[in-house]
Amino acid sequence: MSKNISLKQFLMRSGRFERSYDCIAAIKDGKVTIDNEIVTHPNHFFNPKKSLVRLYGEKVKPLPKLYFLFNKPSGYLCQKSPTEKTVYSLLAKLNLPKASRQSIYTVGRLDKDTEGLLIMTNDGRLSNMITNPKNEIVKKYYAVLEKQIDREKIKAIEKGIEISIGREQYKTKSCKIYIVGEKNAYISISEGRKRQIKKMFDAIGNKVVYLRRVSIGNIKLGNLKIGEFEEMKGEELYGKLRSSP
């Protein structure tokens, strides 16, 4: 875990709750103490290595760090939902204890209809390393487009292009695109705005009809089949990220 973490994050990563709603309710109801003092604010930040947390009077013990690569299928959400299919429903394949399974979450997200590499872990430090924009971890995607690729318009994307983020216009950072067919390309970006790649191609009048993430830094999807998990060691993942170009 990172040096400082919110109480809600700490409890969710301990695997004691399946839903954040229940976690927040327990905190606000005064069921959680830090160093024997009741804390009722879910976003109270503290250092878990220096403090003792109790839930319903029972010490909350940290779980072993877990790291999995996952080839996400299309049709699954990366956030929990009571009404739609999510990647969390597929964690049953891992045959982990309930607490360990509930402690795992996705590092970043892929759109519902996007396939490919997803890292799932309960290590907040790794998550921050990958998602913090300052680290500029490159994510590479394979895209199939609706229309034939216009090489001149592709140059506009590579330099940075205006897209809509909510109600505002945003200019994307420079990126690299490798054309591998009339309608096929690999695109590498160091940021991750919602539906960013699809919006970038929309901006030049082309549409992404299929998208798959193939790598995060030097962590590659490889031959992992759709819907399958591969357990990794933390040292290996950190090593690959530190050696990223």
C-alpha atoms as a PDB file:
ATOM      1  CA  MET A   1       0.000   0.000   0.000  1.00  0.00           C
ATOM      2  CA  SER A   2       1.046   3.573  -0.452  1.00  0.00           C
ATOM      3  CA  LYS A   3       2.277   5.440   2.609  1.00  0.00           C
ATOM      4  CA  ASN A   4      -1.034   7.223   3.136  1.00  0.00           C
ATOM      5  CA  ILE A   5      -4.400   5.810   2.158  1.00  0.00           C
ATOM      6  CA  SER A   6      -8.020   6.641   2.841  1.00  0.00           C
ATOM      7  CA  LEU A   7      -9.890   4.533   5.371  1.00  0.00           C
ATOM      8  CA  LYS A   8     -12.380   3.452   2.728  1.00  0.00           C
ATOM      9  CA  GLN A   9      -9.590   2.307   0.385  1.00  0.00           C
ATOM     10  CA  PHE A  10      -7.861   0.444   3.183  1.00  0.00           C
ATOM     11  CA  LEU A  11     -10.997  -1.453   4.188  1.00  0.00           C
ATOM     12  CA  MET A  12     -11.985  -2.271   0.611  1.00  0.00           C
ATOM     13  CA  ARG A  13      -8.508  -3.619  -0.084  1.00  0.00           C
ATOM     14  CA  SER A  14      -8.658  -5.703   3.090  1.00  0.00           C
ATOM     15  CA  GLY A  15     -11.412  -7.768   1.477  1.00  0.00           C
ATOM     16  CA  ARG A  16     -13.841  -7.205   4.339  1.00  0.00           C
ATOM     17  CA  PHE A  17     -16.489  -5.641   2.105  1.00  0.00           C
ATOM     18  CA  GLU A  18     -17.857  -6.549  -1.293  1.00  0.00           C
ATOM     19  CA  ARG A  19     -19.620  -3.219  -1.871  1.00  0.00           C
ATOM     20  CA  SER A  20     -18.212   0.231  -1.158  1.00  0.00           C
ATOM     21  CA  TYR A  21     -21.698   1.281   0.020  1.00  0.00           C
ATOM     22  CA  ASP A  22     -21.507  -1.183   2.930  1.00  0.00           C
ATOM     23  CA  CYS A  23     -17.969  -0.085   3.746  1.00  0.00           C
ATOM     24  CA  ILE A  24     -18.948   3.588   3.907  1.00  0.00           C
ATOM     25  CA  ALA A  25     -21.999   2.753   6.044  1.00  0.00           C
ATOM     26  CA  ALA A  26     -19.867   0.870   8.597  1.00  0.00           C
ATOM     27  CA  ILE A  27     -17.452   3.789   8.866  1.00  0.00           C
ATOM     28  CA  LYS A  28     -20.179   6.407   9.261  1.00  0.00           C
ATOM     29  CA  ASP A  29     -21.931   4.227  11.857  1.00  0.00           C
ATOM     30  CA  GLY A  30     -18.816   4.368  14.045  1.00  0.00           C
ATOM     31  CA  LYS A  31     -17.856   0.705  13.609  1.00  0.00           C
ATOM     32  CA  VAL A  32     -14.237   1.475  12.712  1.00  0.00           C
ATOM     33  CA  THR A  33     -11.415   2.686  14.942  1.00  0.00           C
ATOM     34  CA  ILE A  34      -7.873   3.788  14.161  1.00  0.00           C
ATOM     35  CA  ASP A  35      -5.567   3.462  17.169  1.00  0.00           C
ATOM     36  CA  ASN A  36      -8.659   3.042  19.383  1.00  0.00           C
ATOM     37  CA  GLU A  37     -10.249   6.301  18.173  1.00  0.00           C
ATOM     38  CA  ILE A  38     -13.548   6.092  16.257  1.00  0.00           C
ATOM     39  CA  VAL A  39     -13.224   7.527  12.755  1.00  0.00           C
ATOM     40  CA  THR A  40     -16.431   8.265  10.848  1.00  0.00           C
ATOM     41  CA  HIS A  41     -15.040   9.899   7.699  1.00  0.00           C
ATOM     42  CA  PRO A  42     -14.444   7.440   4.813  1.00  0.00           C
ATOM     43  CA  ASN A  43     -11.805   9.734   3.283  1.00  0.00           C
ATOM     44  CA  HIS A  44      -9.749  10.021   6.456  1.00  0.00           C
ATOM     45  CA  PHE A  45      -6.125   9.466   5.363  1.00  0.00           C
ATOM     46  CA  PHE A  46      -3.612   7.614   7.527  1.00  0.00           C
ATOM     47  CA  ASN A  47      -0.512   5.425   7.369  1.00  0.00           C
ATOM     48  CA  PRO A  48      -1.635   1.776   7.719  1.00  0.00           C
ATOM     49  CA  LYS A  49       1.910   0.679   8.586  1.00  0.00           C
ATOM     50  CA  LYS A  50       1.897   2.848  11.701  1.00  0.00           C
ATOM     51  CA  SER A  51      -1.720   2.514  12.835  1.00  0.00           C
ATOM     52  CA  LEU A  52      -4.004  -0.225  14.125  1.00  0.00           C
ATOM     53  CA  VAL A  53      -7.412  -0.469  12.473  1.00  0.00           C
ATOM     54  CA  ARG A  54     -10.300  -2.377  14.023  1.00  0.00           C
ATOM     55  CA  LEU A  55     -13.653  -3.170  12.443  1.00  0.00           C
ATOM     56  CA  TYR A  56     -16.396  -4.194  14.908  1.00  0.00           C
ATOM     57  CA  GLY A  57     -13.602  -4.493  17.465  1.00  0.00           C
ATOM     58  CA  GLU A  58     -11.633  -6.969  15.365  1.00  0.00           C
ATOM     59  CA  LYS A  59      -8.170  -6.124  14.065  1.00  0.00           C
ATOM     60  CA  VAL A  60      -8.085  -5.675  10.298  1.00  0.00           C
ATOM     61  CA  LYS A  61      -5.092  -7.591   8.986  1.00  0.00           C
ATOM     62  CA  PRO A  62      -3.504  -6.795   5.631  1.00  0.00           C
ATOM     63  CA  LEU A  63      -3.902  -9.473   2.978  1.00  0.00           C
ATOM     64  CA  PRO A  64      -1.056 -10.855   0.857  1.00  0.00           C
ATOM     65  CA  LYS A  65      -0.453  -8.823  -2.280  1.00  0.00           C
ATOM     66  CA  LEU A  66      -1.962 -10.424  -5.364  1.00  0.00           C
ATOM     67  CA  TYR A  67      -1.243  -9.660  -9.010  1.00  0.00           C
ATOM     68  CA  PHE A  68      -3.066 -10.981 -12.064  1.00  0.00           C
ATOM     69  CA  LEU A  69      -2.968 -10.279 -15.769  1.00  0.00           C
ATOM     70  CA  PHE A  70      -6.396 -10.716 -17.333  1.00  0.00           C
ATOM     71  CA  ASN A  71      -7.526 -10.801 -20.942  1.00  0.00           C
ATOM     72  CA  LYS A  72     -10.821  -8.955 -20.654  1.00  0.00           C
ATOM     73  CA  PRO A  73     -13.662 -10.123 -22.911  1.00  0.00           C
ATOM     74  CA  SER A  74     -15.984  -7.684 -24.631  1.00  0.00           C
ATOM     75  CA  GLY A  75     -19.321  -7.143 -22.883  1.00  0.00           C
ATOM     76  CA  TYR A  76     -17.990  -6.829 -19.328  1.00  0.00           C
ATOM     77  CA  LEU A  77     -17.733  -3.696 -17.214  1.00  0.00           C
ATOM     78  CA  CYS A  78     -14.585  -2.910 -15.213  1.00  0.00           C
ATOM     79  CA  GLN A  79     -16.615  -1.357 -12.390  1.00  0.00           C
ATOM     80  CA  LYS A  80     -18.968  -3.231 -10.113  1.00  0.00           C
ATOM     81  CA  SER A  81     -22.639  -3.198 -11.123  1.00  0.00           C
ATOM     82  CA  PRO A  82     -25.732  -4.916  -9.689  1.00  0.00           C
ATOM     83  CA  THR A  83     -27.385  -5.133 -13.121  1.00  0.00           C
ATOM     84  CA  GLU A  84     -24.649  -5.785 -15.710  1.00  0.00           C
ATOM     85  CA  LYS A  85     -21.871  -8.309 -16.267  1.00  0.00           C
ATOM     86  CA  THR A  86     -18.570  -7.225 -14.724  1.00  0.00           C
ATOM     87  CA  VAL A  87     -15.034  -8.574 -14.688  1.00  0.00           C
ATOM     88  CA  TYR A  88     -15.439  -9.182 -10.956  1.00  0.00           C
ATOM     89  CA  SER A  89     -17.884 -12.007 -11.618  1.00  0.00           C
ATOM     90  CA  LEU A  90     -15.068 -13.834 -13.425  1.00  0.00           C
ATOM     91  CA  LEU A  91     -12.769 -13.793 -10.383  1.00  0.00           C
ATOM     92  CA  ALA A  92     -14.468 -16.986  -9.189  1.00  0.00           C
ATOM     93  CA  LYS A  93     -12.202 -18.798 -11.664  1.00  0.00           C
ATOM     94  CA  LEU A  94      -9.250 -18.032  -9.396  1.00  0.00           C
ATOM     95  CA  ASN A  95     -10.596 -20.093  -6.491  1.00  0.00           C
ATOM     96  CA  LEU A  96      -9.319 -17.580  -3.939  1.00  0.00           C
ATOM     97  CA  PRO A  97     -10.600 -17.090  -0.380  1.00  0.00           C
ATOM     98  CA  LYS A  98     -13.540 -14.684  -0.328  1.00  0.00           C
ATOM     99  CA  ALA A  99     -11.599 -11.911   1.432  1.00  0.00           C
ATOM    100  CA  SER A 100      -8.753 -12.090  -1.091  1.00  0.00           C
ATOM    101  CA  ARG A 101     -11.172 -12.109  -4.000  1.00  0.00           C
ATOM    102  CA  GLN A 102     -13.023  -9.073  -2.647  1.00  0.00           C
ATOM    103  CA  SER A 103      -9.759  -7.163  -2.161  1.00  0.00           C
ATOM    104  CA  ILE A 104      -8.858  -7.275  -5.863  1.00  0.00           C
ATOM    105  CA  TYR A 105      -9.753  -4.437  -8.197  1.00  0.00           C
ATOM    106  CA  THR A 106      -8.874  -3.329 -11.717  1.00  0.00           C
ATOM    107  CA  VAL A 107      -5.992  -0.977 -12.404  1.00  0.00           C
ATOM    108  CA  GLY A 108      -7.653   1.588 -14.626  1.00  0.00           C
ATOM    109  CA  ARG A 109     -10.524   0.539 -16.859  1.00  0.00           C
ATOM    110  CA  LEU A 110     -11.350  -0.653 -20.325  1.00  0.00           C
ATOM    111  CA  ASP A 111     -14.651   0.210 -21.985  1.00  0.00           C
ATOM    112  CA  LYS A 112     -17.371  -2.413 -21.889  1.00  0.00           C
ATOM    113  CA  ASP A 113     -16.859  -3.314 -25.550  1.00  0.00           C
ATOM    114  CA  THR A 114     -13.036  -3.197 -25.436  1.00  0.00           C
ATOM    115  CA  GLU A 115     -10.985  -6.364 -25.010  1.00  0.00           C
ATOM    116  CA  GLY A 116      -7.470  -7.020 -23.835  1.00  0.00           C
ATOM    117  CA  LEU A 117      -4.923  -6.573 -21.106  1.00  0.00           C
ATOM    118  CA  LEU A 118      -6.169  -5.631 -17.675  1.00  0.00           C
ATOM    119  CA  ILE A 119      -4.147  -5.768 -14.463  1.00  0.00           C
ATOM    120  CA  MET A 120      -6.061  -6.782 -11.344  1.00  0.00           C
ATOM    121  CA  THR A 121      -4.456  -6.438  -7.924  1.00  0.00           C
ATOM    122  CA  ASN A 122      -4.906  -5.326  -4.322  1.00  0.00           C
ATOM    123  CA  ASP A 123      -1.627  -3.380  -4.354  1.00  0.00           C
ATOM    124  CA  GLY A 124      -2.408   0.332  -4.258  1.00  0.00           C
ATOM    125  CA  ARG A 125       1.199   1.314  -4.955  1.00  0.00           C
ATOM    126  CA  LEU A 126       1.214  -0.558  -8.260  1.00  0.00           C
ATOM    127  CA  SER A 127      -2.147   0.938  -9.198  1.00  0.00           C
ATOM    128  CA  ASN A 128      -0.890   4.461  -8.537  1.00  0.00           C
ATOM    129  CA  MET A 129       2.312   3.823 -10.476  1.00  0.00           C
ATOM    130  CA  ILE A 130       0.342   2.857 -13.589  1.00  0.00           C
ATOM    131  CA  THR A 131      -2.521   5.348 -13.413  1.00  0.00           C
ATOM    132  CA  ASN A 132      -0.606   8.456 -12.287  1.00  0.00           C
ATOM    133  CA  PRO A 133      -0.327  10.633 -15.437  1.00  0.00           C
ATOM    134  CA  LYS A 134       3.090  11.921 -14.310  1.00  0.00           C
ATOM    135  CA  ASN A 135       4.587   8.462 -14.868  1.00  0.00           C
ATOM    136  CA  GLU A 136       3.478   8.433 -18.527  1.00  0.00           C
ATOM    137  CA  ILE A 137       3.151   4.650 -18.710  1.00  0.00           C
ATOM    138  CA  VAL A 138       2.471   3.819 -22.366  1.00  0.00           C
ATOM    139  CA  LYS A 139      -0.561   1.670 -23.218  1.00  0.00           C
ATOM    140  CA  LYS A 140      -0.646   0.032 -26.648  1.00  0.00           C
ATOM    141  CA  TYR A 141      -3.865  -0.913 -28.454  1.00  0.00           C
ATOM    142  CA  TYR A 142      -4.786  -2.746 -31.629  1.00  0.00           C
ATOM    143  CA  ALA A 143      -7.643  -1.046 -33.495  1.00  0.00           C
ATOM    144  CA  VAL A 144      -9.804  -2.047 -36.442  1.00  0.00           C
ATOM    145  CA  LEU A 145     -11.445   0.909 -38.173  1.00  0.00           C
ATOM    146  CA  GLU A 146     -14.636   1.265 -40.149  1.00  0.00           C
ATOM    147  CA  LYS A 147     -13.042   3.076 -43.100  1.00  0.00           C
ATOM    148  CA  GLN A 148      -9.718   2.882 -44.875  1.00  0.00           C
ATOM    149  CA  ILE A 149      -6.964   4.719 -43.017  1.00  0.00           C
ATOM    150  CA  ASP A 150      -6.058   8.208 -44.248  1.00  0.00           C
ATOM    151  CA  ARG A 151      -2.345   8.621 -43.484  1.00  0.00           C
ATOM    152  CA  GLU A 152      -2.490  12.422 -43.475  1.00  0.00           C
ATOM    153  CA  LYS A 153      -5.304  12.449 -40.934  1.00  0.00           C
ATOM    154  CA  ILE A 154      -3.388   9.918 -38.818  1.00  0.00           C
ATOM    155  CA  LYS A 155      -0.573  12.484 -38.522  1.00  0.00           C
ATOM    156  CA  ALA A 156      -3.058  14.883 -36.918  1.00  0.00           C
ATOM    157  CA  ILE A 157      -3.837  12.315 -34.215  1.00  0.00           C
ATOM    158  CA  GLU A 158      -0.139  11.662 -33.618  1.00  0.00           C
ATOM    159  CA  LYS A 159       0.526  15.361 -33.021  1.00  0.00           C
ATOM    160  CA  GLY A 160      -2.431  15.708 -30.644  1.00  0.00           C
ATOM    161  CA  ILE A 161      -6.055  16.316 -31.520  1.00  0.00           C
ATOM    162  CA  GLU A 162      -9.068  18.042 -29.953  1.00  0.00           C
ATOM    163  CA  ILE A 163     -11.671  15.727 -28.415  1.00  0.00           C
ATOM    164  CA  SER A 164     -14.621  16.278 -26.106  1.00  0.00           C
ATOM    165  CA  ILE A 165     -14.240  15.313 -22.441  1.00  0.00           C
ATOM    166  CA  GLY A 166     -17.575  15.918 -20.795  1.00  0.00           C
ATOM    167  CA  ARG A 167     -18.536  19.472 -21.744  1.00  0.00           C
ATOM    168  CA  GLU A 168     -14.985  20.611 -22.403  1.00  0.00           C
ATOM    169  CA  GLN A 169     -12.548  20.330 -25.292  1.00  0.00           C
ATOM    170  CA  TYR A 170      -9.276  18.577 -24.597  1.00  0.00           C
ATOM    171  CA  LYS A 171      -6.166  18.287 -26.765  1.00  0.00           C
ATOM    172  CA  THR A 172      -4.598  14.851 -26.501  1.00  0.00           C
ATOM    173  CA  LYS A 173      -0.885  14.349 -26.019  1.00  0.00           C
ATOM    174  CA  SER A 174       1.274  13.218 -28.898  1.00  0.00           C
ATOM    175  CA  CYS A 175       1.151   9.487 -29.591  1.00  0.00           C
ATOM    176  CA  LYS A 176       2.447   6.875 -32.021  1.00  0.00           C
ATOM    177  CA  ILE A 177       0.384   5.003 -34.596  1.00  0.00           C
ATOM    178  CA  TYR A 178       1.647   2.017 -36.600  1.00  0.00           C
ATOM    179  CA  ILE A 179      -0.484   1.216 -39.648  1.00  0.00           C
ATOM    180  CA  VAL A 180      -0.588  -2.543 -40.331  1.00  0.00           C
ATOM    181  CA  GLY A 181      -3.418  -2.790 -42.870  1.00  0.00           C
ATOM    182  CA  GLU A 182      -5.955  -0.763 -44.795  1.00  0.00           C
ATOM    183  CA  LYS A 183      -8.183  -0.524 -41.715  1.00  0.00           C
ATOM    184  CA  ASN A 184      -5.849  -1.847 -38.992  1.00  0.00           C
ATOM    185  CA  ALA A 185      -3.402  -0.024 -36.737  1.00  0.00           C
ATOM    186  CA  TYR A 186      -1.597  -0.110 -33.412  1.00  0.00           C
ATOM    187  CA  ILE A 187      -1.800   3.044 -31.306  1.00  0.00           C
ATOM    188  CA  SER A 188       0.339   3.843 -28.253  1.00  0.00           C
ATOM    189  CA  ILE A 189      -0.773   6.520 -25.789  1.00  0.00           C
ATOM    190  CA  SER A 190       0.549   7.665 -22.412  1.00  0.00           C
ATOM    191  CA  GLU A 191      -2.797   8.881 -21.064  1.00  0.00           C
ATOM    192  CA  GLY A 192      -6.160   7.281 -20.531  1.00  0.00           C
ATOM    193  CA  ARG A 193      -9.179   9.538 -20.829  1.00  0.00           C
ATOM    194  CA  LYS A 194     -12.562   7.830 -21.066  1.00  0.00           C
ATOM    195  CA  ARG A 195     -13.122   6.394 -24.570  1.00  0.00           C
ATOM    196  CA  GLN A 196     -10.106   8.411 -25.685  1.00  0.00           C
ATOM    197  CA  ILE A 197      -8.931   6.307 -28.627  1.00  0.00           C
ATOM    198  CA  LYS A 198     -12.435   6.049 -30.069  1.00  0.00           C
ATOM    199  CA  LYS A 199     -12.886   9.809 -29.757  1.00  0.00           C
ATOM    200  CA  MET A 200      -9.523  10.465 -31.419  1.00  0.00           C
ATOM    201  CA  PHE A 201     -10.515   8.488 -34.502  1.00  0.00           C
ATOM    202  CA  ASP A 202     -14.017   9.961 -34.435  1.00  0.00           C
ATOM    203  CA  ALA A 203     -12.338  13.380 -34.691  1.00  0.00           C
ATOM    204  CA  ILE A 204     -10.871  12.469 -38.109  1.00  0.00           C
ATOM    205  CA  GLY A 205     -14.117  10.982 -39.396  1.00  0.00           C
ATOM    206  CA  ASN A 206     -13.305   7.319 -38.808  1.00  0.00           C
ATOM    207  CA  LYS A 207     -14.817   4.890 -36.335  1.00  0.00           C
ATOM    208  CA  VAL A 208     -13.193   2.204 -34.195  1.00  0.00           C
ATOM    209  CA  VAL A 209     -15.153  -1.022 -34.644  1.00  0.00           C
ATOM    210  CA  TYR A 210     -12.832  -3.233 -32.584  1.00  0.00           C
ATOM    211  CA  LEU A 211     -10.301  -2.363 -29.883  1.00  0.00           C
ATOM    212  CA  ARG A 212      -7.927  -4.514 -27.856  1.00  0.00           C
ATOM    213  CA  ARG A 213      -5.230  -3.407 -25.393  1.00  0.00           C
ATOM    214  CA  VAL A 214      -2.071  -5.426 -25.967  1.00  0.00           C
ATOM    215  CA  SER A 215       0.407  -3.934 -23.497  1.00  0.00           C
ATOM    216  CA  ILE A 216       0.918  -1.646 -20.512  1.00  0.00           C
ATOM    217  CA  GLY A 217       4.512  -0.468 -20.443  1.00  0.00           C
ATOM    218  CA  ASN A 218       6.564  -3.628 -20.964  1.00  0.00           C
ATOM    219  CA  ILE A 219       3.782  -5.837 -19.595  1.00  0.00           C
ATOM    220  CA  LYS A 220       2.359  -7.662 -22.599  1.00  0.00           C
ATOM    221  CA  LEU A 221      -0.847  -9.586 -23.213  1.00  0.00           C
ATOM    222  CA  GLY A 222       1.097 -12.280 -25.049  1.00  0.00           C
ATOM    223  CA  ASN A 223      -0.771 -15.533 -25.656  1.00  0.00           C
ATOM    224  CA  LEU A 224      -3.210 -15.122 -22.774  1.00  0.00           C
ATOM    225  CA  LYS A 225      -6.614 -16.227 -24.048  1.00  0.00           C
ATOM    226  CA  ILE A 226      -9.768 -14.150 -23.710  1.00  0.00           C
ATOM    227  CA  GLY A 227     -11.285 -14.576 -20.243  1.00  0.00           C
ATOM    228  CA  GLU A 228      -8.127 -16.123 -18.748  1.00  0.00           C
ATOM    229  CA  PHE A 229      -6.013 -14.952 -15.813  1.00  0.00           C
ATOM    230  CA  GLU A 230      -2.275 -15.270 -15.260  1.00  0.00           C
ATOM    231  CA  GLU A 231      -0.860 -14.764 -11.773  1.00  0.00           C
ATOM    232  CA  MET A 232       2.331 -12.722 -11.628  1.00  0.00           C
ATOM    233  CA  LYS A 233       4.892 -11.772  -9.017  1.00  0.00           C
ATOM    234  CA  GLY A 234       4.925  -8.168  -7.899  1.00  0.00           C
ATOM    235  CA  GLU A 235       8.684  -7.820  -8.418  1.00  0.00           C
ATOM    236  CA  GLU A 236       8.308  -8.871 -12.041  1.00  0.00           C
ATOM    237  CA  LEU A 237       5.539  -6.387 -12.757  1.00  0.00           C
ATOM    238  CA  TYR A 238       7.377  -3.525 -11.056  1.00  0.00           C
ATOM    239  CA  GLY A 239      10.524  -4.437 -12.981  1.00  0.00           C
ATOM    240  CA  LYS A 240       8.701  -4.351 -16.309  1.00  0.00           C
ATOM    241  CA  LEU A 241       7.121  -0.985 -15.518  1.00  0.00           C
ATOM    242  CA  ARG A 242      10.421   0.571 -14.402  1.00  0.00           C
ATOM    243  CA  SER A 243      12.050  -0.589 -17.634  1.00  0.00           C
ATOM    244  CA  SER A 244       9.278   0.873 -19.771  1.00  0.00           C
ATOM    245  CA  PRO A 245      10.471   3.116 -22.602  1.00  0.00           C
END
